[in-house]
Amino acid sequence: MPLIPIDNTADLGALARSLRRQQGIRQDDLAAIIGASHVFLRDVELGKETVQLGKVLRLLDELGVRLLLQVPDGDES
């Protein structure tokens, strides 16, 4: 699976839209699966910055996206 850099909410939304379409899932169907409204899904796909993170994580999981964070090395104390 390729690593795709995500620099902003628009990048994340475009990825979600592309994956949803590749999988042949309608917005309202995917929204129902994750317990959200179609408006929420539309907002994610349009890159809205104020969507709920928990629902976004459920959306990504449903689309088969594994989220990894690259953190800087260093002393945290």
PDB file of N, CA and C in Angstrom:
ATOM      1  N   MET A   1       0.855  -1.180   0.000  1.00  0.00           N
ATOM      2  CA  MET A   1       0.000   0.000   0.000  1.00  0.00           C
ATOM      3  C   MET A   1       0.896   1.237   0.000  1.00  0.00           C
ATOM      4  N   PRO A   2       0.605   2.192  -0.867  1.00  0.00           N
ATOM      5  CA  PRO A   2       1.466   3.381  -0.959  1.00  0.00           C
ATOM      6  C   PRO A   2       1.303   4.318   0.244  1.00  0.00           C
ATOM      7  N   LEU A   3       2.368   5.047   0.527  1.00  0.00           N
ATOM      8  CA  LEU A   3       2.309   6.108   1.533  1.00  0.00           C
ATOM      9  C   LEU A   3       1.925   7.396   0.808  1.00  0.00           C
ATOM     10  N   ILE A   4       0.923   8.079   1.318  1.00  0.00           N
ATOM     11  CA  ILE A   4       0.432   9.294   0.677  1.00  0.00           C
ATOM     12  C   ILE A   4       0.541  10.437   1.682  1.00  0.00           C
ATOM     13  N   PRO A   5       1.338  11.449   1.366  1.00  0.00           N
ATOM     14  CA  PRO A   5       1.448  12.582   2.290  1.00  0.00           C
ATOM     15  C   PRO A   5       0.144  13.383   2.327  1.00  0.00           C
ATOM     16  N   ILE A   6      -0.274  13.725   3.520  1.00  0.00           N
ATOM     17  CA  ILE A   6      -1.468  14.546   3.726  1.00  0.00           C
ATOM     18  C   ILE A   6      -1.018  15.811   4.451  1.00  0.00           C
ATOM     19  N   ASP A   7      -1.132  16.938   3.768  1.00  0.00           N
ATOM     20  CA  ASP A   7      -0.663  18.193   4.340  1.00  0.00           C
ATOM     21  C   ASP A   7      -1.782  19.090   4.855  1.00  0.00           C
ATOM     22  N   ASN A   8      -3.020  18.775   4.479  1.00  0.00           N
ATOM     23  CA  ASN A   8      -4.128  19.626   4.912  1.00  0.00           C
ATOM     24  C   ASN A   8      -5.440  18.857   4.766  1.00  0.00           C
ATOM     25  N   THR A   9      -6.516  19.472   5.195  1.00  0.00           N
ATOM     26  CA  THR A   9      -7.817  18.800   5.157  1.00  0.00           C
ATOM     27  C   THR A   9      -8.308  18.558   3.734  1.00  0.00           C
ATOM     28  N   ALA A  10      -7.905  19.410   2.805  1.00  0.00           N
ATOM     29  CA  ALA A  10      -8.299  19.207   1.408  1.00  0.00           C
ATOM     30  C   ALA A  10      -7.661  17.930   0.849  1.00  0.00           C
ATOM     31  N   ASP A  11      -6.399  17.677   1.204  1.00  0.00           N
ATOM     32  CA  ASP A  11      -5.730  16.444   0.771  1.00  0.00           C
ATOM     33  C   ASP A  11      -6.454  15.224   1.323  1.00  0.00           C
ATOM     34  N   LEU A  12      -6.805  15.272   2.592  1.00  0.00           N
ATOM     35  CA  LEU A  12      -7.497  14.156   3.231  1.00  0.00           C
ATOM     36  C   LEU A  12      -8.869  13.934   2.590  1.00  0.00           C
ATOM     37  N   GLY A  13      -9.579  15.009   2.322  1.00  0.00           N
ATOM     38  CA  GLY A  13     -10.892  14.903   1.696  1.00  0.00           C
ATOM     39  C   GLY A  13     -10.819  14.316   0.302  1.00  0.00           C
ATOM     40  N   ALA A  14      -9.820  14.750  -0.471  1.00  0.00           N
ATOM     41  CA  ALA A  14      -9.663  14.230  -1.823  1.00  0.00           C
ATOM     42  C   ALA A  14      -9.344  12.737  -1.790  1.00  0.00           C
ATOM     43  N   LEU A  15      -8.523  12.324  -0.850  1.00  0.00           N
ATOM     44  CA  LEU A  15      -8.204  10.903  -0.711  1.00  0.00           C
ATOM     45  C   LEU A  15      -9.458  10.110  -0.352  1.00  0.00           C
ATOM     46  N   ALA A  16     -10.219  10.601   0.624  1.00  0.00           N
ATOM     47  CA  ALA A  16     -11.438   9.906   1.040  1.00  0.00           C
ATOM     48  C   ALA A  16     -12.414   9.777  -0.125  1.00  0.00           C
ATOM     49  N   ARG A  17     -12.606  10.844  -0.878  1.00  0.00           N
ATOM     50  CA  ARG A  17     -13.516  10.820  -2.025  1.00  0.00           C
ATOM     51  C   ARG A  17     -13.041   9.809  -3.070  1.00  0.00           C
ATOM     52  N   SER A  18     -11.755   9.845  -3.372  1.00  0.00           N
ATOM     53  CA  SER A  18     -11.202   8.936  -4.369  1.00  0.00           C
ATOM     54  C   SER A  18     -11.377   7.474  -3.955  1.00  0.00           C
ATOM     55  N   LEU A  19     -11.074   7.158  -2.708  1.00  0.00           N
ATOM     56  CA  LEU A  19     -11.215   5.782  -2.228  1.00  0.00           C
ATOM     57  C   LEU A  19     -12.671   5.340  -2.222  1.00  0.00           C
ATOM     58  N   ARG A  20     -13.557   6.235  -1.788  1.00  0.00           N
ATOM     59  CA  ARG A  20     -14.984   5.901  -1.761  1.00  0.00           C
ATOM     60  C   ARG A  20     -15.472   5.572  -3.166  1.00  0.00           C
ATOM     61  N   ARG A  21     -15.096   6.398  -4.126  1.00  0.00           N
ATOM     62  CA  ARG A  21     -15.529   6.175  -5.507  1.00  0.00           C
ATOM     63  C   ARG A  21     -14.927   4.892  -6.078  1.00  0.00           C
ATOM     64  N   GLN A  22     -13.654   4.645  -5.787  1.00  0.00           N
ATOM     65  CA  GLN A  22     -13.012   3.412  -6.258  1.00  0.00           C
ATOM     66  C   GLN A  22     -13.740   2.178  -5.742  1.00  0.00           C
ATOM     67  N   GLN A  23     -14.263   2.290  -4.521  1.00  0.00           N
ATOM     68  CA  GLN A  23     -14.951   1.160  -3.899  1.00  0.00           C
ATOM     69  C   GLN A  23     -16.432   1.104  -4.274  1.00  0.00           C
ATOM     70  N   GLY A  24     -16.882   2.080  -5.044  1.00  0.00           N
ATOM     71  CA  GLY A  24     -18.263   2.094  -5.516  1.00  0.00           C
ATOM     72  C   GLY A  24     -19.288   2.327  -4.418  1.00  0.00           C
ATOM     73  N   ILE A  25     -18.927   3.140  -3.437  1.00  0.00           N
ATOM     74  CA  ILE A  25     -19.822   3.412  -2.307  1.00  0.00           C
ATOM     75  C   ILE A  25     -20.399   4.816  -2.462  1.00  0.00           C
ATOM     76  N   ARG A  26     -21.696   4.953  -2.296  1.00  0.00           N
ATOM     77  CA  ARG A  26     -22.344   6.273  -2.341  1.00  0.00           C
ATOM     78  C   ARG A  26     -22.094   7.020  -1.036  1.00  0.00           C
ATOM     79  N   GLN A  27     -22.088   8.341  -1.101  1.00  0.00           N
ATOM     80  CA  GLN A  27     -21.869   9.156   0.093  1.00  0.00           C
ATOM     81  C   GLN A  27     -22.854   8.811   1.204  1.00  0.00           C
ATOM     82  N   ASP A  28     -24.133   8.753   0.878  1.00  0.00           N
ATOM     83  CA  ASP A  28     -25.124   8.519   1.926  1.00  0.00           C
ATOM     84  C   ASP A  28     -24.996   7.117   2.524  1.00  0.00           C
ATOM     85  N   ASP A  29     -24.582   6.131   1.719  1.00  0.00           N
ATOM     86  CA  ASP A  29     -24.388   4.780   2.249  1.00  0.00           C
ATOM     87  C   ASP A  29     -23.202   4.732   3.207  1.00  0.00           C
ATOM     88  N   LEU A  30     -22.095   5.344   2.820  1.00  0.00           N
ATOM     89  CA  LEU A  30     -20.919   5.351   3.697  1.00  0.00           C
ATOM     90  C   LEU A  30     -21.197   6.129   4.976  1.00  0.00           C
ATOM     91  N   ALA A  31     -21.911   7.230   4.854  1.00  0.00           N
ATOM     92  CA  ALA A  31     -22.270   8.011   6.039  1.00  0.00           C
ATOM     93  C   ALA A  31     -23.085   7.159   7.012  1.00  0.00           C
ATOM     94  N   ALA A  32     -24.044   6.412   6.494  1.00  0.00           N
ATOM     95  CA  ALA A  32     -24.868   5.551   7.353  1.00  0.00           C
ATOM     96  C   ALA A  32     -24.021   4.480   8.031  1.00  0.00           C
ATOM     97  N   ILE A  33     -23.066   3.913   7.310  1.00  0.00           N
ATOM     98  CA  ILE A  33     -22.197   2.867   7.867  1.00  0.00           C
ATOM     99  C   ILE A  33     -21.407   3.391   9.062  1.00  0.00           C
ATOM    100  N   ILE A  34     -20.920   4.630   8.969  1.00  0.00           N
ATOM    101  CA  ILE A  34     -20.100   5.167  10.071  1.00  0.00           C
ATOM    102  C   ILE A  34     -20.920   5.946  11.097  1.00  0.00           C
ATOM    103  N   GLY A  35     -22.236   5.998  10.913  1.00  0.00           N
ATOM    104  CA  GLY A  35     -23.100   6.682  11.876  1.00  0.00           C
ATOM    105  C   GLY A  35     -23.028   8.190  11.784  1.00  0.00           C
ATOM    106  N   ALA A  36     -22.925   8.700  10.557  1.00  0.00           N
ATOM    107  CA  ALA A  36     -22.843  10.143  10.341  1.00  0.00           C
ATOM    108  C   ALA A  36     -23.856  10.534   9.269  1.00  0.00           C
ATOM    109  N   SER A  37     -23.975  11.811   9.038  1.00  0.00           N
ATOM    110  CA  SER A  37     -24.878  12.294   7.999  1.00  0.00           C
ATOM    111  C   SER A  37     -24.125  12.430   6.675  1.00  0.00           C
ATOM    112  N   HIS A  38     -24.888  12.503   5.589  1.00  0.00           N
ATOM    113  CA  HIS A  38     -24.250  12.717   4.291  1.00  0.00           C
ATOM    114  C   HIS A  38     -23.599  14.096   4.234  1.00  0.00           C
ATOM    115  N   VAL A  39     -24.114  15.044   5.022  1.00  0.00           N
ATOM    116  CA  VAL A  39     -23.526  16.386   5.093  1.00  0.00           C
ATOM    117  C   VAL A  39     -22.123  16.302   5.692  1.00  0.00           C
ATOM    118  N   PHE A  40     -21.963  15.475   6.735  1.00  0.00           N
ATOM    119  CA  PHE A  40     -20.646  15.287   7.333  1.00  0.00           C
ATOM    120  C   PHE A  40     -19.680  14.741   6.280  1.00  0.00           C
ATOM    121  N   LEU A  41     -20.100  13.714   5.574  1.00  0.00           N
ATOM    122  CA  LEU A  41     -19.221  13.101   4.578  1.00  0.00           C
ATOM    123  C   LEU A  41     -18.868  14.101   3.481  1.00  0.00           C
ATOM    124  N   ARG A  42     -19.840  14.863   3.049  1.00  0.00           N
ATOM    125  CA  ARG A  42     -19.580  15.904   2.047  1.00  0.00           C
ATOM    126  C   ARG A  42     -18.562  16.907   2.571  1.00  0.00           C
ATOM    127  N   ASP A  43     -18.723  17.314   3.838  1.00  0.00           N
ATOM    128  CA  ASP A  43     -17.800  18.275   4.430  1.00  0.00           C
ATOM    129  C   ASP A  43     -16.373  17.722   4.488  1.00  0.00           C
ATOM    130  N   VAL A  44     -16.227  16.459   4.839  1.00  0.00           N
ATOM    131  CA  VAL A  44     -14.891  15.839   4.861  1.00  0.00           C
ATOM    132  C   VAL A  44     -14.300  15.871   3.463  1.00  0.00           C
ATOM    133  N   GLU A  45     -15.070  15.438   2.482  1.00  0.00           N
ATOM    134  CA  GLU A  45     -14.568  15.358   1.115  1.00  0.00           C
ATOM    135  C   GLU A  45     -14.242  16.739   0.542  1.00  0.00           C
ATOM    136  N   LEU A  46     -14.879  17.772   1.043  1.00  0.00           N
ATOM    137  CA  LEU A  46     -14.586  19.137   0.594  1.00  0.00           C
ATOM    138  C   LEU A  46     -13.456  19.786   1.390  1.00  0.00           C
ATOM    139  N   GLY A  47     -12.933  19.066   2.395  1.00  0.00           N
ATOM    140  CA  GLY A  47     -11.801  19.572   3.153  1.00  0.00           C
ATOM    141  C   GLY A  47     -12.152  20.525   4.277  1.00  0.00           C
ATOM    142  N   LYS A  48     -13.380  20.489   4.750  1.00  0.00           N
ATOM    143  CA  LYS A  48     -13.777  21.376   5.841  1.00  0.00           C
ATOM    144  C   LYS A  48     -12.913  21.086   7.071  1.00  0.00           C
ATOM    145  N   GLU A  49     -12.406  22.129   7.701  1.00  0.00           N
ATOM    146  CA  GLU A  49     -11.443  21.976   8.786  1.00  0.00           C
ATOM    147  C   GLU A  49     -12.062  21.701  10.144  1.00  0.00           C
ATOM    148  N   THR A  50     -13.361  21.816  10.279  1.00  0.00           N
ATOM    149  CA  THR A  50     -13.973  21.704  11.608  1.00  0.00           C
ATOM    150  C   THR A  50     -14.764  20.419  11.815  1.00  0.00           C
ATOM    151  N   VAL A  51     -14.530  19.393  10.996  1.00  0.00           N
ATOM    152  CA  VAL A  51     -15.246  18.132  11.172  1.00  0.00           C
ATOM    153  C   VAL A  51     -14.722  17.393  12.402  1.00  0.00           C
ATOM    154  N   GLN A  52     -15.528  16.487  12.927  1.00  0.00           N
ATOM    155  CA  GLN A  52     -15.176  15.742  14.134  1.00  0.00           C
ATOM    156  C   GLN A  52     -14.128  14.682  13.833  1.00  0.00           C
ATOM    157  N   LEU A  53     -13.020  14.736  14.549  1.00  0.00           N
ATOM    158  CA  LEU A  53     -11.903  13.835  14.312  1.00  0.00           C
ATOM    159  C   LEU A  53     -12.292  12.372  14.500  1.00  0.00           C
ATOM    160  N   GLY A  54     -13.064  12.065  15.518  1.00  0.00           N
ATOM    161  CA  GLY A  54     -13.463  10.679  15.761  1.00  0.00           C
ATOM    162  C   GLY A  54     -14.211  10.086  14.581  1.00  0.00           C
ATOM    163  N   LYS A  55     -15.100  10.872  14.003  1.00  0.00           N
ATOM    164  CA  LYS A  55     -15.851  10.389  12.840  1.00  0.00           C
ATOM    165  C   LYS A  55     -14.945  10.260  11.622  1.00  0.00           C
ATOM    166  N   VAL A  56     -13.988  11.162  11.480  1.00  0.00           N
ATOM    167  CA  VAL A  56     -13.039  11.063  10.372  1.00  0.00           C
ATOM    168  C   VAL A  56     -12.233   9.774  10.495  1.00  0.00           C
ATOM    169  N   LEU A  57     -11.820   9.437  11.708  1.00  0.00           N
ATOM    170  CA  LEU A  57     -11.069   8.199  11.921  1.00  0.00           C
ATOM    171  C   LEU A  57     -11.916   6.977  11.587  1.00  0.00           C
ATOM    172  N   ARG A  58     -13.196   6.998  11.940  1.00  0.00           N
ATOM    173  CA  ARG A  58     -14.093   5.890  11.575  1.00  0.00           C
ATOM    174  C   ARG A  58     -14.249   5.799  10.054  1.00  0.00           C
ATOM    175  N   LEU A  59     -14.356   6.950   9.412  1.00  0.00           N
ATOM    176  CA  LEU A  59     -14.467   6.997   7.957  1.00  0.00           C
ATOM    177  C   LEU A  59     -13.237   6.367   7.307  1.00  0.00           C
ATOM    178  N   LEU A  60     -12.051   6.778   7.742  1.00  0.00           N
ATOM    179  CA  LEU A  60     -10.819   6.240   7.171  1.00  0.00           C
ATOM    180  C   LEU A  60     -10.716   4.738   7.396  1.00  0.00           C
ATOM    181  N   ASP A  61     -11.085   4.294   8.585  1.00  0.00           N
ATOM    182  CA  ASP A  61     -11.055   2.869   8.889  1.00  0.00           C
ATOM    183  C   ASP A  61     -11.988   2.098   7.962  1.00  0.00           C
ATOM    184  N   GLU A  62     -13.168   2.615   7.757  1.00  0.00           N
ATOM    185  CA  GLU A  62     -14.145   1.945   6.884  1.00  0.00           C
ATOM    186  C   GLU A  62     -13.642   1.865   5.442  1.00  0.00           C
ATOM    187  N   LEU A  63     -12.863   2.859   5.023  1.00  0.00           N
ATOM    188  CA  LEU A  63     -12.306   2.862   3.670  1.00  0.00           C
ATOM    189  C   LEU A  63     -11.036   2.026   3.560  1.00  0.00           C
ATOM    190  N   GLY A  64     -10.587   1.471   4.692  1.00  0.00           N
ATOM    191  CA  GLY A  64      -9.400   0.625   4.680  1.00  0.00           C
ATOM    192  C   GLY A  64      -8.092   1.376   4.813  1.00  0.00           C
ATOM    193  N   VAL A  65      -8.165   2.615   5.284  1.00  0.00           N
ATOM    194  CA  VAL A  65      -6.962   3.433   5.437  1.00  0.00           C
ATOM    195  C   VAL A  65      -6.365   3.193   6.816  1.00  0.00           C
ATOM    196  N   ARG A  66      -5.084   2.879   6.828  1.00  0.00           N
ATOM    197  CA  ARG A  66      -4.356   2.722   8.092  1.00  0.00           C
ATOM    198  C   ARG A  66      -3.605   4.021   8.336  1.00  0.00           C
ATOM    199  N   LEU A  67      -3.880   4.655   9.449  1.00  0.00           N
ATOM    200  CA  LEU A  67      -3.302   5.955   9.755  1.00  0.00           C
ATOM    201  C   LEU A  67      -2.051   5.769  10.606  1.00  0.00           C
ATOM    202  N   LEU A  68      -0.925   6.270  10.110  1.00  0.00           N
ATOM    203  CA  LEU A  68       0.342   6.248  10.839  1.00  0.00           C
ATOM    204  C   LEU A  68       0.843   7.668  10.953  1.00  0.00           C
ATOM    205  N   LEU A  69       1.410   8.006  12.086  1.00  0.00           N
ATOM    206  CA  LEU A  69       1.948   9.336  12.273  1.00  0.00           C
ATOM    207  C   LEU A  69       3.457   9.253  12.384  1.00  0.00           C
ATOM    208  N   GLN A  70       4.141  10.105  11.673  1.00  0.00           N
ATOM    209  CA  GLN A  70       5.590  10.179  11.771  1.00  0.00           C
ATOM    210  C   GLN A  70       5.911  11.300  12.738  1.00  0.00           C
ATOM    211  N   VAL A  71       6.529  10.942  13.869  1.00  0.00           N
ATOM    212  CA  VAL A  71       6.818  11.919  14.904  1.00  0.00           C
ATOM    213  C   VAL A  71       8.328  12.165  14.972  1.00  0.00           C
ATOM    214  N   PRO A  72       8.729  13.348  15.378  1.00  0.00           N
ATOM    215  CA  PRO A  72      10.157  13.652  15.457  1.00  0.00           C
ATOM    216  C   PRO A  72      10.827  12.897  16.598  1.00  0.00           C
ATOM    217  N   ASP A  73      12.085  12.553  16.378  1.00  0.00           N
ATOM    218  CA  ASP A  73      12.878  11.956  17.455  1.00  0.00           C
ATOM    219  C   ASP A  73      13.265  13.058  18.414  1.00  0.00           C
ATOM    220  N   GLY A  74      13.541  12.679  19.648  1.00  0.00           N
ATOM    221  CA  GLY A  74      14.017  13.686  20.593  1.00  0.00           C
ATOM    222  C   GLY A  74      13.577  13.382  21.989  1.00  0.00           C
ATOM    223  N   ASP A  75      14.135  14.102  22.903  1.00  0.00           N
ATOM    224  CA  ASP A  75      13.835  13.964  24.323  1.00  0.00           C
ATOM    225  C   ASP A  75      12.545  14.711  24.621  1.00  0.00           C
ATOM    226  N   GLU A  76      11.574  13.999  25.185  1.00  0.00           N
ATOM    227  CA  GLU A  76      10.272  14.611  25.477  1.00  0.00           C
ATOM    228  C   GLU A  76      10.172  15.151  26.898  1.00  0.00           C
ATOM    229  N   SER A  77      11.237  15.055  27.679  1.00  0.00           N
ATOM    230  CA  SER A  77      11.170  15.523  29.075  1.00  0.00           C
ATOM    231  C   SER A  77      11.504  16.966  29.231  1.00  0.00           C
TER     232      SER A  77
END
